[in-house]
Amino acid sequence: MDKQDMLGVLLSMTEQQQKAIAEAVEELKKQTASLNGVAPDLQKSVQTAIVTALARSMGDVAQGAQAAVKASVDPVLQSLSGVVEAANQAEAKLNRAVAAFGKRWLMLASVSAASAFFALLMTVYAAVWWERSELESLKAERVTLQENIASLDKLKGHIKLSTCGENKRPCVEVETKSAYGADEDHRFYILKGVK
């Protein structure tokens, strides 16, 4: 075979290949066109499947997370319930203690007020009693002084009174000739100038 024949064979093969390629390209265009028509539906189906799978797995994850949160929060809530109950009991005890303290305080204040009133009453009574005894003593002294004044008044002022000694004590002039009395401590003398 010569070069020309070979060239003819090559050209014929090239044409056949070009024709096969053109048919293949045409077939590819048809398939691409049909895929383009199917692609939006396929894309929607894939998206729906993905969303459903994600929702299912997210639901499973959410349920698991919810169960885990509930499992971890329940003991805390129970302990908080216990704390709240203990706080309520403590508040009730405190209220009872305050009420009891108020009653005791009122009783103590009443007893203190009554004691203070009784002490004041006793003080006033003691002061009045002392004043009365002083008044009785002064009345008795007054009677004695009035009797002395009456007896001195009968003497008509013939008695001479003076002050004697370092202390300037009152003294009277007496007759020393005669003394009356049984012992040395009690001697009585007659006033000079009295008849």
N, C-alpha and C. Protein backbone atom coordinates (compact mmCIF):
# COMPACT_ATOMS: atom_id res chain seq x y z
N MET A 1 0.80 -1.14 0.00
CA MET A 1 0.00 0.00 0.00
C MET A 1 0.86 1.21 0.00
N ASP A 2 0.42 1.99 -0.74
CA ASP A 2 1.24 3.18 -0.87
C ASP A 2 0.67 4.27 0.02
N LYS A 3 1.32 5.34 -0.11
CA LYS A 3 1.03 6.44 0.80
C LYS A 3 -0.34 7.02 0.53
N GLN A 4 -0.73 7.01 -0.62
CA GLN A 4 -1.99 7.62 -0.94
C GLN A 4 -3.11 6.72 -0.46
N ASP A 5 -2.93 5.47 -0.62
CA ASP A 5 -3.95 4.57 -0.17
C ASP A 5 -4.07 4.66 1.37
N MET A 6 -2.95 4.75 1.96
CA MET A 6 -2.94 4.86 3.41
C MET A 6 -3.59 6.14 3.86
N LEU A 7 -3.30 7.14 3.09
CA LEU A 7 -3.87 8.43 3.42
C LEU A 7 -5.37 8.35 3.22
N GLY A 8 -5.84 7.63 2.20
CA GLY A 8 -7.26 7.49 1.95
C GLY A 8 -7.90 6.69 3.07
N VAL A 9 -7.22 5.63 3.52
CA VAL A 9 -7.75 4.80 4.59
C VAL A 9 -7.82 5.65 5.86
N LEU A 10 -6.78 6.39 6.09
CA LEU A 10 -6.73 7.24 7.28
C LEU A 10 -7.84 8.28 7.23
N LEU A 11 -8.05 8.82 6.06
CA LEU A 11 -9.09 9.84 5.94
C LEU A 11 -10.45 9.19 6.17
N SER A 12 -10.64 8.02 5.65
CA SER A 12 -11.92 7.38 5.81
C SER A 12 -12.14 7.02 7.28
N MET A 13 -11.09 6.61 7.95
CA MET A 13 -11.19 6.29 9.38
C MET A 13 -11.47 7.55 10.18
N THR A 14 -10.85 8.62 9.78
CA THR A 14 -11.04 9.87 10.47
C THR A 14 -12.47 10.31 10.31
N GLU A 15 -13.04 10.12 9.13
CA GLU A 15 -14.40 10.52 8.89
C GLU A 15 -15.34 9.66 9.72
N GLN A 16 -15.04 8.38 9.77
CA GLN A 16 -15.88 7.49 10.55
C GLN A 16 -15.82 7.87 12.04
N GLN A 17 -14.61 8.18 12.45
CA GLN A 17 -14.45 8.56 13.86
C GLN A 17 -15.16 9.88 14.14
N GLN A 18 -15.08 10.80 13.19
CA GLN A 18 -15.74 12.07 13.37
C GLN A 18 -17.24 11.86 13.42
N LYS A 19 -17.74 10.98 12.55
CA LYS A 19 -19.14 10.70 12.52
C LYS A 19 -19.56 10.04 13.84
N ALA A 20 -18.76 9.11 14.35
CA ALA A 20 -19.07 8.42 15.61
C ALA A 20 -19.02 9.42 16.78
N ILE A 21 -18.06 10.32 16.68
CA ILE A 21 -17.93 11.33 17.73
C ILE A 21 -19.14 12.25 17.68
N ALA A 22 -19.57 12.64 16.46
CA ALA A 22 -20.71 13.52 16.33
C ALA A 22 -21.95 12.83 16.86
N GLU A 23 -22.12 11.53 16.57
CA GLU A 23 -23.26 10.79 17.08
C GLU A 23 -23.20 10.70 18.61
N ALA A 24 -21.97 10.47 19.09
CA ALA A 24 -21.81 10.36 20.54
C ALA A 24 -22.12 11.71 21.22
N VAL A 25 -21.69 12.79 20.59
CA VAL A 25 -21.96 14.12 21.14
C VAL A 25 -23.45 14.37 21.10
N GLU A 26 -24.09 13.95 19.98
CA GLU A 26 -25.52 14.15 19.87
C GLU A 26 -26.25 13.36 20.95
N GLU A 27 -25.80 12.12 21.17
CA GLU A 27 -26.39 11.26 22.20
C GLU A 27 -26.18 11.88 23.58
N LEU A 28 -24.99 12.44 23.78
CA LEU A 28 -24.66 13.08 25.07
C LEU A 28 -25.56 14.29 25.28
N LYS A 29 -25.82 15.04 24.21
CA LYS A 29 -26.70 16.20 24.32
C LYS A 29 -28.10 15.77 24.71
N LYS A 30 -28.58 14.68 24.10
CA LYS A 30 -29.90 14.17 24.42
C LYS A 30 -29.97 13.74 25.89
N GLN A 31 -28.93 13.02 26.29
CA GLN A 31 -28.91 12.55 27.69
C GLN A 31 -28.81 13.73 28.66
N THR A 32 -28.01 14.74 28.28
CA THR A 32 -27.87 15.93 29.13
C THR A 32 -29.20 16.64 29.22
N ALA A 33 -29.92 16.73 28.07
CA ALA A 33 -31.21 17.40 28.06
C ALA A 33 -32.19 16.62 28.93
N SER A 34 -32.16 15.28 28.81
CA SER A 34 -33.08 14.51 29.63
C SER A 34 -32.70 14.60 31.11
N LEU A 35 -31.39 14.64 31.38
CA LEU A 35 -30.94 14.80 32.78
C LEU A 35 -31.31 16.18 33.32
N ASN A 36 -31.24 17.16 32.42
CA ASN A 36 -31.63 18.51 32.87
C ASN A 36 -33.11 18.53 33.24
N GLY A 37 -33.92 17.78 32.53
CA GLY A 37 -35.34 17.70 32.87
C GLY A 37 -35.56 16.94 34.18
N VAL A 38 -34.74 15.96 34.44
CA VAL A 38 -34.87 15.14 35.64
C VAL A 38 -34.15 15.79 36.83
N ALA A 39 -33.16 16.57 36.58
CA ALA A 39 -32.30 17.15 37.64
C ALA A 39 -33.07 17.94 38.68
N PRO A 40 -34.01 18.83 38.32
CA PRO A 40 -34.72 19.55 39.38
C PRO A 40 -35.52 18.61 40.27
N ASP A 41 -36.18 17.60 39.65
CA ASP A 41 -36.93 16.66 40.47
C ASP A 41 -36.00 15.87 41.37
N LEU A 42 -34.87 15.45 40.79
CA LEU A 42 -33.88 14.69 41.55
C LEU A 42 -33.31 15.55 42.68
N GLN A 43 -33.05 16.79 42.33
CA GLN A 43 -32.49 17.71 43.35
C GLN A 43 -33.49 17.91 44.49
N LYS A 44 -34.77 18.07 44.14
CA LYS A 44 -35.80 18.23 45.17
C LYS A 44 -35.90 16.97 46.02
N SER A 45 -35.86 15.81 45.37
CA SER A 45 -35.96 14.54 46.10
C SER A 45 -34.78 14.37 47.04
N VAL A 46 -33.60 14.72 46.53
CA VAL A 46 -32.39 14.60 47.37
C VAL A 46 -32.49 15.56 48.55
N GLN A 47 -32.91 16.78 48.25
CA GLN A 47 -33.04 17.77 49.34
C GLN A 47 -34.06 17.29 50.38
N THR A 48 -35.20 16.78 49.91
CA THR A 48 -36.22 16.28 50.83
C THR A 48 -35.67 15.13 51.66
N ALA A 49 -34.96 14.24 51.01
CA ALA A 49 -34.39 13.09 51.73
C ALA A 49 -33.37 13.57 52.76
N ILE A 50 -32.56 14.54 52.36
CA ILE A 50 -31.54 15.06 53.29
C ILE A 50 -32.22 15.76 54.47
N VAL A 51 -33.23 16.59 54.17
CA VAL A 51 -33.93 17.31 55.24
C VAL A 51 -34.61 16.32 56.17
N THR A 52 -35.26 15.29 55.59
CA THR A 52 -35.92 14.29 56.42
C THR A 52 -34.91 13.55 57.29
N ALA A 53 -33.79 13.16 56.66
CA ALA A 53 -32.76 12.45 57.43
C ALA A 53 -32.19 13.35 58.53
N LEU A 54 -31.95 14.61 58.16
CA LEU A 54 -31.43 15.56 59.17
C LEU A 54 -32.45 15.78 60.27
N ALA A 55 -33.72 15.92 59.90
CA ALA A 55 -34.76 16.14 60.91
C ALA A 55 -34.85 14.94 61.82
N ARG A 56 -34.80 13.74 61.22
CA ARG A 56 -34.86 12.54 62.04
C ARG A 56 -33.66 12.46 62.98
N SER A 57 -32.49 12.71 62.41
CA SER A 57 -31.29 12.62 63.27
C SER A 57 -31.26 13.76 64.28
N MET A 58 -31.75 14.95 63.88
CA MET A 58 -31.81 16.06 64.84
C MET A 58 -32.84 15.77 65.91
N GLY A 59 -33.96 15.15 65.52
CA GLY A 59 -34.97 14.76 66.51
C GLY A 59 -34.39 13.76 67.48
N ASP A 60 -33.65 12.79 66.95
CA ASP A 60 -33.01 11.81 67.83
C ASP A 60 -32.01 12.50 68.75
N VAL A 61 -31.23 13.42 68.16
CA VAL A 61 -30.25 14.17 68.97
C VAL A 61 -30.97 15.03 70.00
N ALA A 62 -32.07 15.69 69.57
CA ALA A 62 -32.82 16.54 70.50
C ALA A 62 -33.43 15.71 71.61
N GLN A 63 -33.98 14.53 71.26
CA GLN A 63 -34.54 13.67 72.30
C GLN A 63 -33.45 13.21 73.26
N GLY A 64 -32.30 12.86 72.69
CA GLY A 64 -31.17 12.45 73.54
C GLY A 64 -30.71 13.59 74.43
N ALA A 65 -30.62 14.78 73.83
CA ALA A 65 -30.20 15.95 74.61
C ALA A 65 -31.24 16.27 75.66
N GLN A 66 -32.52 16.18 75.27
CA GLN A 66 -33.58 16.46 76.24
C GLN A 66 -33.54 15.45 77.38
N ALA A 67 -33.32 14.21 77.06
CA ALA A 67 -33.24 13.18 78.10
C ALA A 67 -32.03 13.44 79.00
N ALA A 68 -30.90 13.82 78.38
CA ALA A 68 -29.69 14.09 79.17
C ALA A 68 -29.89 15.31 80.07
N VAL A 69 -30.51 16.36 79.51
CA VAL A 69 -30.76 17.57 80.32
C VAL A 69 -31.72 17.24 81.45
N LYS A 70 -32.78 16.48 81.12
CA LYS A 70 -33.74 16.11 82.17
C LYS A 70 -33.07 15.28 83.25
N ALA A 71 -32.23 14.33 82.82
CA ALA A 71 -31.54 13.47 83.79
C ALA A 71 -30.59 14.29 84.66
N SER A 72 -29.97 15.32 84.09
CA SER A 72 -29.04 16.12 84.89
C SER A 72 -29.77 17.19 85.71
N VAL A 73 -30.93 17.64 85.23
CA VAL A 73 -31.64 18.71 85.94
C VAL A 73 -32.53 18.16 87.05
N ASP A 74 -33.07 16.94 86.86
CA ASP A 74 -33.98 16.37 87.86
C ASP A 74 -33.37 16.31 89.26
N PRO A 75 -32.13 15.82 89.42
CA PRO A 75 -31.56 15.82 90.79
C PRO A 75 -31.42 17.23 91.36
N VAL A 76 -31.05 18.17 90.49
CA VAL A 76 -30.91 19.56 90.97
C VAL A 76 -32.27 20.09 91.41
N LEU A 77 -33.31 19.83 90.60
CA LEU A 77 -34.65 20.28 90.96
C LEU A 77 -35.12 19.62 92.25
N GLN A 78 -34.82 18.32 92.40
CA GLN A 78 -35.21 17.64 93.63
C GLN A 78 -34.48 18.22 94.82
N SER A 79 -33.18 18.50 94.65
CA SER A 79 -32.43 19.09 95.78
C SER A 79 -32.93 20.50 96.06
N LEU A 80 -33.29 21.24 95.00
CA LEU A 80 -33.85 22.58 95.23
C LEU A 80 -35.20 22.49 95.92
N SER A 81 -35.98 21.47 95.58
CA SER A 81 -37.26 21.28 96.27
C SER A 81 -37.01 21.03 97.75
N GLY A 82 -36.00 20.21 98.04
CA GLY A 82 -35.66 19.96 99.44
C GLY A 82 -35.20 21.23 100.14
N VAL A 83 -34.41 22.03 99.45
CA VAL A 83 -33.93 23.29 100.03
C VAL A 83 -35.10 24.23 100.29
N VAL A 84 -36.02 24.31 99.32
CA VAL A 84 -37.19 25.19 99.49
C VAL A 84 -38.04 24.70 100.65
N GLU A 85 -38.23 23.38 100.76
CA GLU A 85 -39.01 22.83 101.87
C GLU A 85 -38.33 23.13 103.20
N ALA A 86 -36.99 22.95 103.23
CA ALA A 86 -36.25 23.25 104.46
C ALA A 86 -36.36 24.74 104.80
N ALA A 87 -36.30 25.59 103.77
CA ALA A 87 -36.43 27.03 104.01
C ALA A 87 -37.81 27.37 104.54
N ASN A 88 -38.85 26.72 104.00
CA ASN A 88 -40.20 26.95 104.50
C ASN A 88 -40.34 26.51 105.94
N GLN A 89 -39.75 25.35 106.27
CA GLN A 89 -39.81 24.87 107.65
C GLN A 89 -39.05 25.82 108.57
N ALA A 90 -37.88 26.29 108.11
CA ALA A 90 -37.11 27.23 108.93
C ALA A 90 -37.88 28.53 109.13
N GLU A 91 -38.58 28.97 108.08
CA GLU A 91 -39.37 30.20 108.21
C GLU A 91 -40.50 30.01 109.22
N ALA A 92 -41.14 28.84 109.16
CA ALA A 92 -42.22 28.56 110.11
C ALA A 92 -41.68 28.53 111.54
N LYS A 93 -40.52 27.89 111.74
CA LYS A 93 -39.90 27.86 113.08
C LYS A 93 -39.55 29.27 113.53
N LEU A 94 -39.00 30.07 112.61
CA LEU A 94 -38.63 31.44 112.95
C LEU A 94 -39.87 32.25 113.33
N ASN A 95 -40.96 32.07 112.59
CA ASN A 95 -42.20 32.78 112.92
C ASN A 95 -42.72 32.37 114.29
N ARG A 96 -42.64 31.07 114.60
CA ARG A 96 -43.08 30.61 115.93
C ARG A 96 -42.17 31.18 117.01
N ALA A 97 -40.86 31.21 116.74
CA ALA A 97 -39.92 31.73 117.73
C ALA A 97 -40.16 33.22 117.96
N VAL A 98 -40.42 33.96 116.87
CA VAL A 98 -40.68 35.40 117.01
C VAL A 98 -41.96 35.63 117.81
N ALA A 99 -42.99 34.81 117.53
CA ALA A 99 -44.25 34.96 118.28
C ALA A 99 -44.03 34.64 119.76
N ALA A 100 -43.29 33.56 120.04
CA ALA A 100 -43.01 33.20 121.44
C ALA A 100 -42.17 34.27 122.11
N PHE A 101 -41.19 34.79 121.37
CA PHE A 101 -40.35 35.85 121.93
C PHE A 101 -41.18 37.09 122.21
N GLY A 102 -42.12 37.41 121.31
CA GLY A 102 -43.00 38.56 121.53
C GLY A 102 -43.83 38.40 122.78
N LYS A 103 -44.37 37.18 122.98
CA LYS A 103 -45.18 36.93 124.18
C LYS A 103 -44.31 37.02 125.43
N ARG A 104 -43.12 36.43 125.36
CA ARG A 104 -42.23 36.49 126.53
C ARG A 104 -41.79 37.92 126.80
N TRP A 105 -41.50 38.66 125.73
CA TRP A 105 -41.09 40.05 125.89
C TRP A 105 -42.22 40.86 126.54
N LEU A 106 -43.45 40.63 126.10
CA LEU A 106 -44.60 41.33 126.67
C LEU A 106 -44.76 40.96 128.14
N MET A 107 -44.59 39.66 128.45
CA MET A 107 -44.70 39.22 129.84
C MET A 107 -43.58 39.85 130.68
N LEU A 108 -42.36 39.85 130.14
CA LEU A 108 -41.24 40.43 130.86
C LEU A 108 -41.44 41.94 131.06
N ALA A 109 -41.93 42.61 130.02
CA ALA A 109 -42.20 44.05 130.15
C ALA A 109 -43.29 44.30 131.18
N SER A 110 -44.32 43.45 131.20
CA SER A 110 -45.40 43.62 132.18
C SER A 110 -44.88 43.41 133.60
N VAL A 111 -44.09 42.36 133.79
CA VAL A 111 -43.53 42.09 135.12
C VAL A 111 -42.60 43.22 135.53
N SER A 112 -41.78 43.71 134.59
CA SER A 112 -40.87 44.82 134.90
C SER A 112 -41.65 46.07 135.28
N ALA A 113 -42.71 46.37 134.52
CA ALA A 113 -43.52 47.55 134.81
C ALA A 113 -44.20 47.41 136.17
N ALA A 114 -44.73 46.20 136.45
CA ALA A 114 -45.37 45.97 137.75
C ALA A 114 -44.35 46.09 138.89
N SER A 115 -43.15 45.56 138.68
CA SER A 115 -42.09 45.65 139.70
C SER A 115 -41.70 47.10 139.93
N ALA A 116 -41.53 47.85 138.84
CA ALA A 116 -41.17 49.26 138.97
C ALA A 116 -42.28 50.03 139.70
N PHE A 117 -43.55 49.73 139.36
CA PHE A 117 -44.67 50.40 140.02
C PHE A 117 -44.69 50.06 141.50
N PHE A 118 -44.47 48.75 141.83
CA PHE A 118 -44.46 48.33 143.24
C PHE A 118 -43.31 49.00 143.99
N ALA A 119 -42.12 49.07 143.35
CA ALA A 119 -40.97 49.72 144.00
C ALA A 119 -41.27 51.21 144.23
N LEU A 120 -41.88 51.86 143.24
CA LEU A 120 -42.24 53.27 143.40
C LEU A 120 -43.26 53.44 144.51
N LEU A 121 -44.25 52.55 144.56
CA LEU A 121 -45.27 52.61 145.60
C LEU A 121 -44.64 52.44 146.98
N MET A 122 -43.71 51.47 147.11
CA MET A 122 -43.04 51.25 148.40
C MET A 122 -42.18 52.45 148.78
N THR A 123 -41.51 53.06 147.80
CA THR A 123 -40.69 54.24 148.07
C THR A 123 -41.56 55.40 148.55
N VAL A 124 -42.68 55.61 147.86
CA VAL A 124 -43.59 56.69 148.28
C VAL A 124 -44.15 56.40 149.67
N TYR A 125 -44.53 55.13 149.91
CA TYR A 125 -45.05 54.78 151.23
C TYR A 125 -43.99 55.01 152.31
N ALA A 126 -42.73 54.59 152.03
CA ALA A 126 -41.66 54.79 153.02
C ALA A 126 -41.43 56.28 153.28
N ALA A 127 -41.45 57.08 152.20
CA ALA A 127 -41.24 58.52 152.37
C ALA A 127 -42.39 59.14 153.17
N VAL A 128 -43.62 58.72 152.86
CA VAL A 128 -44.77 59.25 153.59
C VAL A 128 -44.72 58.80 155.05
N TRP A 129 -44.36 57.53 155.28
CA TRP A 129 -44.25 57.01 156.64
C TRP A 129 -43.21 57.80 157.44
N TRP A 130 -42.05 58.05 156.80
CA TRP A 130 -40.99 58.81 157.48
C TRP A 130 -41.47 60.23 157.78
N GLU A 131 -42.13 60.84 156.78
CA GLU A 131 -42.65 62.19 156.98
C GLU A 131 -43.68 62.20 158.12
N ARG A 132 -44.53 61.21 158.20
CA ARG A 132 -45.55 61.14 159.26
C ARG A 132 -44.89 60.97 160.62
N SER A 133 -43.86 60.10 160.67
CA SER A 133 -43.19 59.93 161.97
C SER A 133 -42.49 61.21 162.39
N GLU A 134 -41.89 61.89 161.42
CA GLU A 134 -41.26 63.19 161.73
C GLU A 134 -42.31 64.19 162.18
N LEU A 135 -43.46 64.19 161.52
CA LEU A 135 -44.54 65.10 161.87
C LEU A 135 -45.05 64.81 163.29
N GLU A 136 -45.22 63.51 163.61
CA GLU A 136 -45.66 63.14 164.97
C GLU A 136 -44.63 63.58 166.01
N SER A 137 -43.35 63.38 165.66
CA SER A 137 -42.28 63.78 166.59
C SER A 137 -42.30 65.30 166.78
N LEU A 138 -42.47 66.02 165.68
CA LEU A 138 -42.52 67.48 165.78
C LEU A 138 -43.76 67.94 166.55
N LYS A 139 -44.88 67.25 166.39
CA LYS A 139 -46.09 67.60 167.15
C LYS A 139 -45.86 67.40 168.65
N ALA A 140 -45.20 66.27 168.99
CA ALA A 140 -44.91 66.00 170.41
C ALA A 140 -43.96 67.06 170.96
N GLU A 141 -42.96 67.40 170.18
CA GLU A 141 -42.01 68.44 170.60
C GLU A 141 -42.71 69.78 170.73
N ARG A 142 -43.65 70.04 169.85
CA ARG A 142 -44.40 71.30 169.90
C ARG A 142 -45.21 71.39 171.19
N VAL A 143 -45.86 70.27 171.51
CA VAL A 143 -46.65 70.24 172.76
C VAL A 143 -45.75 70.52 173.95
N THR A 144 -44.59 69.87 173.98
CA THR A 144 -43.64 70.08 175.08
C THR A 144 -43.18 71.53 175.12
N LEU A 145 -42.86 72.07 173.94
CA LEU A 145 -42.41 73.47 173.90
C LEU A 145 -43.54 74.41 174.33
N GLN A 146 -44.75 74.12 173.92
CA GLN A 146 -45.87 74.97 174.34
C GLN A 146 -46.07 74.92 175.85
N GLU A 147 -45.92 73.74 176.40
CA GLU A 147 -46.02 73.62 177.86
C GLU A 147 -44.91 74.42 178.55
N ASN A 148 -43.71 74.29 178.02
CA ASN A 148 -42.57 75.05 178.59
C ASN A 148 -42.81 76.55 178.44
N ILE A 149 -43.32 76.96 177.28
CA ILE A 149 -43.59 78.39 177.07
C ILE A 149 -44.67 78.86 178.05
N ALA A 150 -45.68 78.02 178.24
CA ALA A 150 -46.75 78.40 179.16
C ALA A 150 -46.22 78.53 180.59
N SER A 151 -45.36 77.57 181.00
CA SER A 151 -44.83 77.66 182.37
C SER A 151 -43.86 78.82 182.50
N LEU A 152 -43.09 79.11 181.43
CA LEU A 152 -42.18 80.25 181.48
C LEU A 152 -42.97 81.56 181.44
N ASP A 153 -44.10 81.52 180.78
CA ASP A 153 -44.93 82.70 180.70
C ASP A 153 -45.47 83.07 182.09
N LYS A 154 -45.68 82.07 182.91
CA LYS A 154 -46.15 82.32 184.27
C LYS A 154 -45.06 83.02 185.09
N LEU A 155 -43.82 82.75 184.73
CA LEU A 155 -42.71 83.35 185.47
C LEU A 155 -42.52 84.82 185.12
N LYS A 156 -43.15 85.27 184.09
CA LYS A 156 -43.17 86.67 183.67
C LYS A 156 -41.78 87.21 183.35
N GLY A 157 -40.95 86.38 182.81
CA GLY A 157 -39.68 86.86 182.30
C GLY A 157 -38.66 87.19 183.35
N HIS A 158 -38.72 86.60 184.52
CA HIS A 158 -37.74 86.85 185.56
C HIS A 158 -36.50 85.97 185.39
N ILE A 159 -36.50 85.10 184.42
CA ILE A 159 -35.37 84.22 184.19
C ILE A 159 -34.38 84.97 183.31
N LYS A 160 -33.09 84.82 183.65
CA LYS A 160 -32.06 85.45 182.84
C LYS A 160 -31.39 84.38 181.97
N LEU A 161 -31.54 84.52 180.67
CA LEU A 161 -30.91 83.60 179.73
C LEU A 161 -29.66 84.24 179.17
N SER A 162 -28.63 83.38 178.89
CA SER A 162 -27.39 83.88 178.34
C SER A 162 -26.76 82.76 177.52
N THR A 163 -25.58 83.02 176.96
CA THR A 163 -24.79 81.98 176.30
C THR A 163 -23.52 81.78 177.08
N CYS A 164 -23.13 80.54 177.25
CA CYS A 164 -21.99 80.23 178.10
C CYS A 164 -21.02 79.30 177.38
N GLY A 165 -19.76 79.36 177.77
CA GLY A 165 -18.74 78.44 177.30
C GLY A 165 -18.23 78.80 175.91
N GLU A 166 -17.30 77.94 175.47
CA GLU A 166 -16.68 78.14 174.16
C GLU A 166 -17.66 77.94 173.01
N ASN A 167 -18.59 77.05 173.23
CA ASN A 167 -19.56 76.75 172.17
C ASN A 167 -20.75 77.68 172.18
N LYS A 168 -20.79 78.57 173.11
CA LYS A 168 -21.88 79.56 173.22
C LYS A 168 -23.22 78.85 173.36
N ARG A 169 -23.29 77.94 174.32
CA ARG A 169 -24.51 77.20 174.59
C ARG A 169 -25.44 78.03 175.47
N PRO A 170 -26.76 77.85 175.34
CA PRO A 170 -27.67 78.63 176.18
C PRO A 170 -27.56 78.18 177.64
N CYS A 171 -27.64 79.13 178.54
CA CYS A 171 -27.58 78.82 179.97
C CYS A 171 -28.46 79.80 180.75
N VAL A 172 -28.79 79.43 181.99
CA VAL A 172 -29.64 80.27 182.86
C VAL A 172 -28.94 80.47 184.20
N GLU A 173 -29.35 81.48 184.87
CA GLU A 173 -28.78 81.76 186.20
C GLU A 173 -29.59 80.97 187.21
N VAL A 174 -28.91 80.22 188.10
CA VAL A 174 -29.58 79.37 189.09
C VAL A 174 -29.04 79.70 190.49
N GLU A 175 -29.79 79.27 191.49
CA GLU A 175 -29.34 79.39 192.89
C GLU A 175 -28.57 78.13 193.21
N THR A 176 -27.36 78.25 193.60
CA THR A 176 -26.51 77.10 193.83
C THR A 176 -26.54 76.62 195.28
N LYS A 177 -27.27 77.28 196.14
CA LYS A 177 -27.30 76.90 197.54
C LYS A 177 -27.92 75.54 197.74
N SER A 178 -28.96 75.27 197.02
CA SER A 178 -29.60 73.98 197.22
C SER A 178 -29.69 73.26 195.89
N ALA A 179 -29.39 71.98 195.92
CA ALA A 179 -29.46 71.13 194.74
C ALA A 179 -30.35 69.95 195.06
N TYR A 180 -31.06 69.52 194.10
CA TYR A 180 -31.98 68.40 194.29
C TYR A 180 -31.58 67.30 193.30
N GLY A 181 -31.77 66.08 193.68
CA GLY A 181 -31.44 64.95 192.81
C GLY A 181 -30.63 63.93 193.56
N ALA A 182 -30.73 62.67 193.16
CA ALA A 182 -30.11 61.60 193.91
C ALA A 182 -28.69 61.33 193.45
N ASP A 183 -28.36 61.54 192.23
CA ASP A 183 -27.01 61.20 191.77
C ASP A 183 -26.33 62.42 191.18
N GLU A 184 -25.04 62.25 190.88
CA GLU A 184 -24.21 63.36 190.40
C GLU A 184 -24.60 63.81 188.99
N ASP A 185 -25.10 62.88 188.19
CA ASP A 185 -25.43 63.21 186.80
C ASP A 185 -26.74 63.97 186.66
N HIS A 186 -27.59 63.85 187.66
CA HIS A 186 -28.90 64.50 187.58
C HIS A 186 -29.09 65.41 188.78
N ARG A 187 -28.63 66.61 188.69
CA ARG A 187 -28.81 67.60 189.77
C ARG A 187 -29.69 68.70 189.24
N PHE A 188 -30.62 69.07 190.02
CA PHE A 188 -31.55 70.13 189.66
C PHE A 188 -31.34 71.31 190.59
N TYR A 189 -31.37 72.53 190.01
CA TYR A 189 -31.22 73.77 190.78
C TYR A 189 -32.41 74.65 190.54
N ILE A 190 -32.66 75.52 191.44
CA ILE A 190 -33.78 76.46 191.34
C ILE A 190 -33.28 77.66 190.54
N LEU A 191 -34.16 78.11 189.61
CA LEU A 191 -33.80 79.27 188.81
C LEU A 191 -33.80 80.50 189.68
N LYS A 192 -32.81 81.34 189.47
CA LYS A 192 -32.69 82.56 190.25
C LYS A 192 -33.72 83.55 189.77
N GLY A 193 -34.41 84.16 190.67
CA GLY A 193 -35.42 85.16 190.34
C GLY A 193 -36.81 84.59 190.20
N VAL A 194 -36.97 83.29 190.37
CA VAL A 194 -38.29 82.67 190.27
C VAL A 194 -38.77 82.42 191.66
N LYS A 195 -40.01 82.77 191.92
CA LYS A 195 -40.57 82.61 193.27
C LYS A 195 -41.32 81.34 193.37
